[in-house]
Amino acid sequence: MGLTEQRHIRVAVEDDAVRVELLPTFVGCPALDVIRDSVAARLAGMAPRVEVEMTFAEPWTSERITAEGRRKLRESS
């Protein structure tokens, strides 16, 4: 399963919604629905509506991994 990067999180007070945009590492990842549903379930109750979208507007590259993320990947090997 690929990693995802948080792109945008918006709390829209005017329409009581939390909107999350994620950037998957792999367009064909079979877990995209599971990831979307898991994020939505985790945020449920924070607003009357929770919207989770995947975006492919920009390509994901390993250069996006933070130093902490690289450290955690090394530790998990």
Protein backbone atom coordinates (compact mmCIF):
# COMPACT_ATOMS: atom_id res chain seq x y z
CA MET A 1 0.00 0.00 0.00
CA GLY A 2 1.29 3.46 -0.86
CA LEU A 3 1.67 6.36 1.50
CA THR A 4 -0.43 9.47 1.20
CA GLU A 5 0.48 13.06 1.83
CA GLN A 6 -1.89 15.48 3.44
CA ARG A 7 -2.38 18.33 1.00
CA HIS A 8 -5.10 20.52 2.47
CA ILE A 9 -7.38 20.45 5.49
CA ARG A 10 -10.13 23.03 5.68
CA VAL A 11 -12.75 23.52 8.31
CA ALA A 12 -15.56 25.43 6.63
CA VAL A 13 -17.55 27.00 9.43
CA GLU A 14 -20.14 28.45 7.09
CA ASP A 15 -21.29 25.04 5.88
CA ASP A 16 -20.28 22.93 8.91
CA ALA A 17 -17.85 20.75 6.98
CA VAL A 18 -14.34 19.40 7.34
CA ARG A 19 -12.67 18.86 3.97
CA VAL A 20 -9.46 16.88 3.60
CA GLU A 21 -7.45 16.52 0.39
CA LEU A 22 -4.88 13.71 0.18
CA LEU A 23 -2.18 13.06 -2.41
CA PRO A 24 -1.66 9.31 -2.89
CA THR A 25 1.74 7.96 -3.88
CA PHE A 26 0.25 5.68 -6.55
CA VAL A 27 -2.76 6.42 -8.77
CA GLY A 28 -3.67 2.73 -9.03
CA CYS A 29 -3.37 1.98 -5.32
CA PRO A 30 -6.07 -0.59 -4.47
CA ALA A 31 -6.39 0.85 -0.95
CA LEU A 32 -7.57 4.36 -1.93
CA ASP A 33 -11.16 3.68 -0.86
CA VAL A 34 -9.97 2.16 2.43
CA ILE A 35 -7.74 5.17 3.10
CA ARG A 36 -10.54 7.62 2.26
CA ASP A 37 -13.03 5.76 4.46
CA SER A 38 -10.56 5.47 7.35
CA VAL A 39 -9.82 9.20 7.35
CA ALA A 40 -13.53 10.03 7.15
CA ALA A 41 -14.32 7.64 10.01
CA ARG A 42 -11.56 9.12 12.17
CA LEU A 43 -12.89 12.65 11.60
CA ALA A 44 -16.55 11.74 12.02
CA GLY A 45 -18.14 13.81 14.76
CA MET A 46 -15.81 16.77 14.25
CA ALA A 47 -18.34 18.37 11.91
CA PRO A 48 -21.77 17.50 10.52
CA ARG A 49 -20.10 16.70 7.19
CA VAL A 50 -16.69 15.22 6.47
CA GLU A 51 -15.40 15.17 2.90
CA VAL A 52 -12.22 13.32 1.96
CA GLU A 53 -10.90 13.62 -1.58
CA MET A 54 -7.90 12.16 -3.36
CA THR A 55 -6.08 14.52 -5.70
CA PHE A 56 -3.78 13.67 -8.55
CA ALA A 57 -3.16 17.31 -9.52
CA GLU A 58 0.57 16.99 -8.77
CA PRO A 59 2.78 13.92 -9.04
CA TRP A 60 3.97 12.40 -5.80
CA THR A 61 7.73 11.93 -5.46
CA SER A 62 9.89 10.50 -2.71
CA GLU A 63 11.36 14.00 -2.26
CA ARG A 64 8.14 14.83 -0.38
CA ILE A 65 9.10 12.50 2.49
CA THR A 66 10.18 14.56 5.49
CA ALA A 67 13.32 13.81 7.49
CA GLU A 68 11.11 12.37 10.24
CA GLY A 69 9.26 10.24 7.70
CA ARG A 70 12.56 8.89 6.33
CA ARG A 71 13.72 8.08 9.85
CA LYS A 72 10.49 6.18 10.57
CA LEU A 73 10.75 4.27 7.31
CA ARG A 74 14.32 3.21 8.19
CA GLU A 75 13.21 2.12 11.67
CA SER A 76 10.36 0.02 10.27
CA SER A 77 12.66 -2.04 8.01
